[in-house]
Amino acid sequence: LSCAASGRTFSSYAMAWFRQAPGKEREFV
């Protein structure tokens, strides 16, 4: 998977992936 960022300085932010399965709450990856 890829996540492309724009609008601000990308390198200034921590990044994360979360996921949400059908019928379940979003969870940290």
Full PDB file with SEQRES, HELIX, SHEET, SSBOND, CRYST1, ORIGX, SCALE, CONECT and MASTER records, all heavy atoms in Angstrom:
SEQRES   1 A   29  LEU SER CYS ALA ALA SER GLY ARG THR PHE SER SER TYR          
SEQRES   2 A   29  ALA MET ALA TRP PHE ARG GLN ALA PRO GLY LYS GLU ARG          
SEQRES   3 A   29  GLU PHE VAL                                                  
HELIX    1 AA1 PHE A   10  SER A   12  5                                   3    
SHEET    1 AA1 2 PHE A  18  ARG A  19  0                                        
SHEET    2 AA1 2 GLU A  27  PHE A  28 -1                                        
CRYST1    1.000    1.000    1.000  90.00  90.00  90.00 P 1           1          
ORIGX1      1.000000  0.000000  0.000000        0.00000                         
ORIGX2      0.000000  1.000000  0.000000        0.00000                         
ORIGX3      0.000000  0.000000  1.000000        0.00000                         
SCALE1      1.000000  0.000000  0.000000        0.00000                         
SCALE2      0.000000  1.000000  0.000000        0.00000                         
SCALE3      0.000000  0.000000  1.000000        0.00000                         
ATOM      1  N   LEU A   1       0.831  -1.185   0.000  1.00  0.00           N  
ATOM      2  CA  LEU A   1       0.000   0.000   0.000  1.00  0.00           C  
ATOM      3  C   LEU A   1       0.874   1.247   0.000  1.00  0.00           C  
ATOM      4  O   LEU A   1       1.962   1.249   0.569  1.00  0.00           O  
ATOM      5  CB  LEU A   1      -0.911   0.028   1.225  1.00  0.00           C  
ATOM      6  CG  LEU A   1      -1.792  -1.200   1.468  1.00  0.00           C  
ATOM      7  CD1 LEU A   1      -2.682  -0.958   2.681  1.00  0.00           C  
ATOM      8  CD2 LEU A   1      -2.611  -1.534   0.235  1.00  0.00           C  
ATOM      9  N   SER A   2       0.379   2.300  -0.622  1.00  0.00           N  
ATOM     10  CA  SER A   2       1.074   3.575  -0.643  1.00  0.00           C  
ATOM     11  C   SER A   2       0.150   4.663  -0.130  1.00  0.00           C  
ATOM     12  O   SER A   2      -1.067   4.587  -0.299  1.00  0.00           O  
ATOM     13  CB  SER A   2       1.529   3.927  -2.062  1.00  0.00           C  
ATOM     14  OG  SER A   2       2.429   2.966  -2.568  1.00  0.00           O  
ATOM     15  N   CYS A   3       0.739   5.666   0.483  1.00  0.00           N  
ATOM     16  CA  CYS A   3      -0.009   6.826   0.943  1.00  0.00           C  
ATOM     17  C   CYS A   3       0.765   8.068   0.531  1.00  0.00           C  
ATOM     18  O   CYS A   3       1.860   8.315   1.051  1.00  0.00           O  
ATOM     19  CB  CYS A   3      -0.203   6.784   2.460  1.00  0.00           C  
ATOM     20  SG  CYS A   3      -1.038   8.232   3.135  1.00  0.00           S  
ATOM     21  N   ALA A   4       0.208   8.819  -0.387  1.00  0.00           N  
ATOM     22  CA  ALA A   4       0.845  10.029  -0.886  1.00  0.00           C  
ATOM     23  C   ALA A   4       0.289  11.243  -0.161  1.00  0.00           C  
ATOM     24  O   ALA A   4      -0.927  11.396  -0.034  1.00  0.00           O  
ATOM     25  CB  ALA A   4       0.625  10.160  -2.388  1.00  0.00           C  
ATOM     26  N   ALA A   5       1.182  12.104   0.310  1.00  0.00           N  
ATOM     27  CA  ALA A   5       0.792  13.276   1.078  1.00  0.00           C  
ATOM     28  C   ALA A   5       1.069  14.558   0.312  1.00  0.00           C  
ATOM     29  O   ALA A   5       2.023  14.647  -0.466  1.00  0.00           O  
ATOM     30  CB  ALA A   5       1.534  13.312   2.414  1.00  0.00           C  
ATOM     31  N   SER A   6       0.237  15.547   0.555  1.00  0.00           N  
ATOM     32  CA  SER A   6       0.432  16.866  -0.028  1.00  0.00           C  
ATOM     33  C   SER A   6      -0.149  17.917   0.908  1.00  0.00           C  
ATOM     34  O   SER A   6      -0.906  17.603   1.819  1.00  0.00           O  
ATOM     35  CB  SER A   6      -0.216  16.971  -1.407  1.00  0.00           C  
ATOM     36  OG  SER A   6      -1.620  16.800  -1.323  1.00  0.00           O  
ATOM     37  N   GLY A   7       0.207  19.174   0.687  1.00  0.00           N  
ATOM     38  CA  GLY A   7      -0.366  20.281   1.436  1.00  0.00           C  
ATOM     39  C   GLY A   7       0.511  20.840   2.544  1.00  0.00           C  
ATOM     40  O   GLY A   7       0.437  22.021   2.850  1.00  0.00           O  
ATOM     41  N   ARG A   8       1.303  19.996   3.172  1.00  0.00           N  
ATOM     42  CA  ARG A   8       2.222  20.398   4.226  1.00  0.00           C  
ATOM     43  C   ARG A   8       3.516  19.609   4.075  1.00  0.00           C  
ATOM     44  O   ARG A   8       3.594  18.690   3.261  1.00  0.00           O  
ATOM     45  CB  ARG A   8       1.620  20.170   5.608  1.00  0.00           C  
ATOM     46  CG  ARG A   8       0.421  21.054   5.946  1.00  0.00           C  
ATOM     47  CD  ARG A   8       0.832  22.505   6.135  1.00  0.00           C  
ATOM     48  NE  ARG A   8       1.739  22.695   7.262  1.00  0.00           N  
ATOM     49  CZ  ARG A   8       1.344  22.908   8.512  1.00  0.00           C  
ATOM     50  NH1 ARG A   8       0.048  22.993   8.801  1.00  0.00           N  
ATOM     51  NH2 ARG A   8       2.245  23.061   9.471  1.00  0.00           N  
ATOM     52  N   THR A   9       4.485  19.954   4.895  1.00  0.00           N  
ATOM     53  CA  THR A   9       5.758  19.245   4.863  1.00  0.00           C  
ATOM     54  C   THR A   9       5.579  17.841   5.413  1.00  0.00           C  
ATOM     55  O   THR A   9       5.395  17.646   6.609  1.00  0.00           O  
ATOM     56  CB  THR A   9       6.818  20.002   5.665  1.00  0.00           C  
ATOM     57  OG1 THR A   9       6.956  21.331   5.147  1.00  0.00           O  
ATOM     58  CG2 THR A   9       8.165  19.299   5.571  1.00  0.00           C  
ATOM     59  N   PHE A  10       5.638  16.864   4.528  1.00  0.00           N  
ATOM     60  CA  PHE A  10       5.400  15.479   4.898  1.00  0.00           C  
ATOM     61  C   PHE A  10       6.344  14.998   5.981  1.00  0.00           C  
ATOM     62  O   PHE A  10       5.940  14.284   6.896  1.00  0.00           O  
ATOM     63  CB  PHE A  10       5.519  14.602   3.645  1.00  0.00           C  
ATOM     64  CG  PHE A  10       5.457  13.135   3.901  1.00  0.00           C  
ATOM     65  CD1 PHE A  10       4.244  12.514   4.183  1.00  0.00           C  
ATOM     66  CD2 PHE A  10       6.607  12.358   3.854  1.00  0.00           C  
ATOM     67  CE1 PHE A  10       4.179  11.150   4.405  1.00  0.00           C  
ATOM     68  CE2 PHE A  10       6.546  10.993   4.076  1.00  0.00           C  
ATOM     69  CZ  PHE A  10       5.335  10.391   4.353  1.00  0.00           C  
ATOM     70  N   SER A  11       7.601  15.373   5.877  1.00  0.00           N  
ATOM     71  CA  SER A  11       8.607  14.883   6.808  1.00  0.00           C  
ATOM     72  C   SER A  11       8.415  15.390   8.228  1.00  0.00           C  
ATOM     73  O   SER A  11       9.066  14.895   9.146  1.00  0.00           O  
ATOM     74  CB  SER A  11      10.012  15.234   6.308  1.00  0.00           C  
ATOM     75  OG  SER A  11      10.172  16.636   6.194  1.00  0.00           O  
ATOM     76  N   SER A  12       7.536  16.347   8.441  1.00  0.00           N  
ATOM     77  CA  SER A  12       7.286  16.889   9.772  1.00  0.00           C  
ATOM     78  C   SER A  12       6.302  16.058  10.584  1.00  0.00           C  
ATOM     79  O   SER A  12       6.093  16.338  11.762  1.00  0.00           O  
ATOM     80  CB  SER A  12       6.754  18.318   9.670  1.00  0.00           C  
ATOM     81  OG  SER A  12       7.711  19.181   9.082  1.00  0.00           O  
ATOM     82  N   TYR A  13       5.690  15.052   9.973  1.00  0.00           N  
ATOM     83  CA  TYR A  13       4.634  14.287  10.618  1.00  0.00           C  
ATOM     84  C   TYR A  13       5.008  12.834  10.845  1.00  0.00           C  
ATOM     85  O   TYR A  13       5.646  12.203  10.006  1.00  0.00           O  
ATOM     86  CB  TYR A  13       3.362  14.329   9.772  1.00  0.00           C  
ATOM     87  CG  TYR A  13       2.726  15.691   9.698  1.00  0.00           C  
ATOM     88  CD1 TYR A  13       3.090  16.587   8.698  1.00  0.00           C  
ATOM     89  CD2 TYR A  13       1.766  16.073  10.624  1.00  0.00           C  
ATOM     90  CE1 TYR A  13       2.518  17.841   8.631  1.00  0.00           C  
ATOM     91  CE2 TYR A  13       1.185  17.323  10.562  1.00  0.00           C  
ATOM     92  CZ  TYR A  13       1.562  18.203   9.563  1.00  0.00           C  
ATOM     93  OH  TYR A  13       0.981  19.451   9.500  1.00  0.00           O  
ATOM     94  N   ALA A  14       4.570  12.340  11.997  1.00  0.00           N  
ATOM     95  CA  ALA A  14       4.539  10.899  12.182  1.00  0.00           C  
ATOM     96  C   ALA A  14       3.411  10.338  11.328  1.00  0.00           C  
ATOM     97  O   ALA A  14       2.399  11.002  11.117  1.00  0.00           O  
ATOM     98  CB  ALA A  14       4.304  10.558  13.652  1.00  0.00           C  
ATOM     99  N   MET A  15       3.588   9.135  10.834  1.00  0.00           N  
ATOM    100  CA  MET A  15       2.586   8.517   9.982  1.00  0.00           C  
ATOM    101  C   MET A  15       2.173   7.177  10.566  1.00  0.00           C  
ATOM    102  O   MET A  15       2.947   6.521  11.265  1.00  0.00           O  
ATOM    103  CB  MET A  15       3.126   8.312   8.564  1.00  0.00           C  
ATOM    104  CG  MET A  15       3.542   9.596   7.858  1.00  0.00           C  
ATOM    105  SD  MET A  15       2.135  10.701   7.535  1.00  0.00           S  
ATOM    106  CE  MET A  15       1.183   9.703   6.387  1.00  0.00           C  
ATOM    107  N   ALA A  16       0.963   6.786  10.258  1.00  0.00           N  
ATOM    108  CA  ALA A  16       0.454   5.520  10.768  1.00  0.00           C  
ATOM    109  C   ALA A  16      -0.515   4.900   9.780  1.00  0.00           C  
ATOM    110  O   ALA A  16      -1.066   5.578   8.910  1.00  0.00           O  
ATOM    111  CB  ALA A  16      -0.235   5.718  12.116  1.00  0.00           C  
ATOM    112  N   TRP A  17      -0.704   3.605   9.931  1.00  0.00           N  
ATOM    113  CA  TRP A  17      -1.739   2.878   9.220  1.00  0.00           C  
ATOM    114  C   TRP A  17      -2.718   2.300  10.233  1.00  0.00           C  
ATOM    115  O   TRP A  17      -2.300   1.716  11.239  1.00  0.00           O  
ATOM    116  CB  TRP A  17      -1.162   1.739   8.372  1.00  0.00           C  
ATOM    117  CG  TRP A  17      -0.397   2.191   7.169  1.00  0.00           C  
ATOM    118  CD1 TRP A  17       0.942   2.400   7.071  1.00  0.00           C  
ATOM    119  CD2 TRP A  17      -0.942   2.480   5.879  1.00  0.00           C  
ATOM    120  NE1 TRP A  17       1.279   2.797   5.806  1.00  0.00           N  
ATOM    121  CE2 TRP A  17       0.135   2.855   5.043  1.00  0.00           C  
ATOM    122  CE3 TRP A  17      -2.229   2.450   5.333  1.00  0.00           C  
ATOM    123  CZ2 TRP A  17      -0.036   3.205   3.701  1.00  0.00           C  
ATOM    124  CZ3 TRP A  17      -2.399   2.803   4.006  1.00  0.00           C  
ATOM    125  CH2 TRP A  17      -1.317   3.167   3.213  1.00  0.00           C  
ATOM    126  N   PHE A  18      -3.988   2.481   9.961  1.00  0.00           N  
ATOM    127  CA  PHE A  18      -5.064   1.857  10.707  1.00  0.00           C  
ATOM    128  C   PHE A  18      -5.901   1.055   9.729  1.00  0.00           C  
ATOM    129  O   PHE A  18      -5.804   1.246   8.513  1.00  0.00           O  
ATOM    130  CB  PHE A  18      -5.941   2.904  11.405  1.00  0.00           C  
ATOM    131  CG  PHE A  18      -5.274   3.603  12.557  1.00  0.00           C  
ATOM    132  CD1 PHE A  18      -4.355   4.615  12.347  1.00  0.00           C  
ATOM    133  CD2 PHE A  18      -5.579   3.252  13.863  1.00  0.00           C  
ATOM    134  CE1 PHE A  18      -3.742   5.263  13.399  1.00  0.00           C  
ATOM    135  CE2 PHE A  18      -4.978   3.894  14.940  1.00  0.00           C  
ATOM    136  CZ  PHE A  18      -4.054   4.901  14.693  1.00  0.00           C  
ATOM    137  N   ARG A  19      -6.726   0.172  10.250  1.00  0.00           N  
ATOM    138  CA  ARG A  19      -7.610  -0.588   9.375  1.00  0.00           C  
ATOM    139  C   ARG A  19      -8.948  -0.817  10.061  1.00  0.00           C  
ATOM    140  O   ARG A  19      -9.049  -0.825  11.282  1.00  0.00           O  
ATOM    141  CB  ARG A  19      -6.982  -1.925   8.973  1.00  0.00           C  
ATOM    142  CG  ARG A  19      -6.798  -2.915  10.114  1.00  0.00           C  
ATOM    143  CD  ARG A  19      -6.019  -4.129   9.643  1.00  0.00           C  
ATOM    144  NE  ARG A  19      -5.874  -5.131  10.688  1.00  0.00           N  
ATOM    145  CZ  ARG A  19      -5.156  -6.237  10.562  1.00  0.00           C  
ATOM    146  NH1 ARG A  19      -4.510  -6.497   9.427  1.00  0.00           N  
ATOM    147  NH2 ARG A  19      -5.079  -7.101  11.570  1.00  0.00           N  
ATOM    148  N   GLN A  20      -9.956  -1.017   9.241  1.00  0.00           N  
ATOM    149  CA  GLN A  20     -11.294  -1.266   9.754  1.00  0.00           C  
ATOM    150  C   GLN A  20     -11.927  -2.394   8.955  1.00  0.00           C  
ATOM    151  O   GLN A  20     -12.177  -2.254   7.759  1.00  0.00           O  
ATOM    152  CB  GLN A  20     -12.157  -0.011   9.678  1.00  0.00           C  
ATOM    153  CG  GLN A  20     -13.510  -0.161  10.344  1.00  0.00           C  
ATOM    154  CD  GLN A  20     -14.219   1.166  10.519  1.00  0.00           C  
ATOM    155  OE1 GLN A  20     -13.967   2.117   9.783  1.00  0.00           O  
ATOM    156  NE2 GLN A  20     -15.104   1.241  11.495  1.00  0.00           N  
ATOM    157  N   ALA A  21     -12.174  -3.494   9.634  1.00  0.00           N  
ATOM    158  CA  ALA A  21     -12.820  -4.643   9.018  1.00  0.00           C  
ATOM    159  C   ALA A  21     -14.329  -4.462   9.064  1.00  0.00           C  
ATOM    160  O   ALA A  21     -14.852  -3.711   9.887  1.00  0.00           O  
ATOM    161  CB  ALA A  21     -12.415  -5.922   9.746  1.00  0.00           C  
ATOM    162  N   PRO A  22     -15.055  -5.159   8.187  1.00  0.00           N  
ATOM    163  CA  PRO A  22     -16.514  -5.038   8.179  1.00  0.00           C  
ATOM    164  C   PRO A  22     -17.115  -5.347   9.543  1.00  0.00           C  
ATOM    165  O   PRO A  22     -16.806  -6.380  10.148  1.00  0.00           O  
ATOM    166  CB  PRO A  22     -16.945  -6.068   7.137  1.00  0.00           C  
ATOM    167  CG  PRO A  22     -15.771  -6.182   6.225  1.00  0.00           C  
ATOM    168  CD  PRO A  22     -14.573  -6.050   7.121  1.00  0.00           C  
ATOM    169  N   GLY A  23     -17.959  -4.451  10.037  1.00  0.00           N  
ATOM    170  CA  GLY A  23     -18.632  -4.657  11.306  1.00  0.00           C  
ATOM    171  C   GLY A  23     -17.771  -4.480  12.539  1.00  0.00           C  
ATOM    172  O   GLY A  23     -18.224  -4.770  13.648  1.00  0.00           O  
ATOM    173  N   LYS A  24     -16.543  -4.005  12.370  1.00  0.00           N  
ATOM    174  CA  LYS A  24     -15.647  -3.845  13.503  1.00  0.00           C  
ATOM    175  C   LYS A  24     -15.126  -2.420  13.602  1.00  0.00           C  
ATOM    176  O   LYS A  24     -15.223  -1.633  12.655  1.00  0.00           O  
ATOM    177  CB  LYS A  24     -14.473  -4.819  13.404  1.00  0.00           C  
ATOM    178  CG  LYS A  24     -14.886  -6.281  13.462  1.00  0.00           C  
ATOM    179  CD  LYS A  24     -13.724  -7.182  13.776  1.00  0.00           C  
ATOM    180  CE  LYS A  24     -14.196  -8.611  13.993  1.00  0.00           C  
ATOM    181  NZ  LYS A  24     -13.100  -9.499  14.437  1.00  0.00           N  
ATOM    182  N   GLU A  25     -14.575  -2.098  14.756  1.00  0.00           N  
ATOM    183  CA  GLU A  25     -14.006  -0.780  14.983  1.00  0.00           C  
ATOM    184  C   GLU A  25     -12.657  -0.661  14.299  1.00  0.00           C  
ATOM    185  O   GLU A  25     -11.971  -1.658  14.058  1.00  0.00           O  
ATOM    186  CB  GLU A  25     -13.853  -0.514  16.474  1.00  0.00           C  
ATOM    187  CG  GLU A  25     -15.157  -0.497  17.253  1.00  0.00           C  
ATOM    188  CD  GLU A  25     -16.070   0.624  16.817  1.00  0.00           C  
ATOM    189  OE1 GLU A  25     -15.579   1.755  16.613  1.00  0.00           O  
ATOM    190  OE2 GLU A  25     -17.272   0.378  16.667  1.00  0.00           O  
ATOM    191  N   ARG A  26     -12.280   0.562  14.007  1.00  0.00           N  
ATOM    192  CA  ARG A  26     -10.980   0.810  13.419  1.00  0.00           C  
ATOM    193  C   ARG A  26      -9.889   0.444  14.425  1.00  0.00           C  
ATOM    194  O   ARG A  26     -10.000   0.745  15.610  1.00  0.00           O  
ATOM    195  CB  ARG A  26     -10.863   2.278  13.005  1.00  0.00           C  
ATOM    196  CG  ARG A  26      -9.596   2.623  12.250  1.00  0.00           C  
ATOM    197  CD  ARG A  26      -9.817   3.796  11.312  1.00  0.00           C  
ATOM    198  NE  ARG A  26     -10.496   4.898  11.957  1.00  0.00           N  
ATOM    199  CZ  ARG A  26     -11.243   5.796  11.325  1.00  0.00           C  
ATOM    200  NH1 ARG A  26     -11.408   5.714  10.019  1.00  0.00           N  
ATOM    201  NH2 ARG A  26     -11.821   6.772  11.996  1.00  0.00           N  
ATOM    202  N   GLU A  27      -8.837  -0.197  13.947  1.00  0.00           N  
ATOM    203  CA  GLU A  27      -7.765  -0.621  14.825  1.00  0.00           C  
ATOM    204  C   GLU A  27      -6.409  -0.181  14.293  1.00  0.00           C  
ATOM    205  O   GLU A  27      -6.198  -0.041  13.088  1.00  0.00           O  
ATOM    206  CB  GLU A  27      -7.779  -2.140  15.015  1.00  0.00           C  
ATOM    207  CG  GLU A  27      -7.457  -2.933  13.765  1.00  0.00           C  
ATOM    208  CD  GLU A  27      -7.344  -4.424  14.028  1.00  0.00           C  
ATOM    209  OE1 GLU A  27      -7.314  -4.844  15.204  1.00  0.00           O  
ATOM    210  OE2 GLU A  27      -7.280  -5.187  13.041  1.00  0.00           O  
ATOM    211  N   PHE A  28      -5.503  -0.007  15.217  1.00  0.00           N  
ATOM    212  CA  PHE A  28      -4.140   0.385  14.905  1.00  0.00           C  
ATOM    213  C   PHE A  28      -3.399  -0.751  14.231  1.00  0.00           C  
ATOM    214  O   PHE A  28      -3.543  -1.917  14.604  1.00  0.00           O  
ATOM    215  CB  PHE A  28      -3.427   0.785  16.204  1.00  0.00           C  
ATOM    216  CG  PHE A  28      -1.945   0.932  16.074  1.00  0.00           C  
ATOM    217  CD1 PHE A  28      -1.388   2.069  15.508  1.00  0.00           C  
ATOM    218  CD2 PHE A  28      -1.095  -0.064  16.523  1.00  0.00           C  
ATOM    219  CE1 PHE A  28      -0.016   2.207  15.400  1.00  0.00           C  
ATOM    220  CE2 PHE A  28       0.273   0.064  16.418  1.00  0.00           C  
ATOM    221  CZ  PHE A  28       0.810   1.203  15.852  1.00  0.00           C  
ATOM    222  N   VAL A  29      -2.576  -0.401  13.249  1.00  0.00           N  
ATOM    223  CA  VAL A  29      -1.749  -1.381  12.562  1.00  0.00           C  
ATOM    224  C   VAL A  29      -0.262  -1.116  12.821  1.00  0.00           C  
ATOM    225  O   VAL A  29       0.455  -1.984  13.321  1.00  0.00           O  
ATOM    226  CB  VAL A  29      -2.013  -1.392  11.048  1.00  0.00           C  
ATOM    227  CG1 VAL A  29      -1.084  -2.385  10.348  1.00  0.00           C  
ATOM    228  CG2 VAL A  29      -3.467  -1.737  10.764  1.00  0.00           C  
TER     229      VAL A  29                                                      
MASTER        0    0    0    1    2    0    0    6  228    1    0    3          
END                                                                             
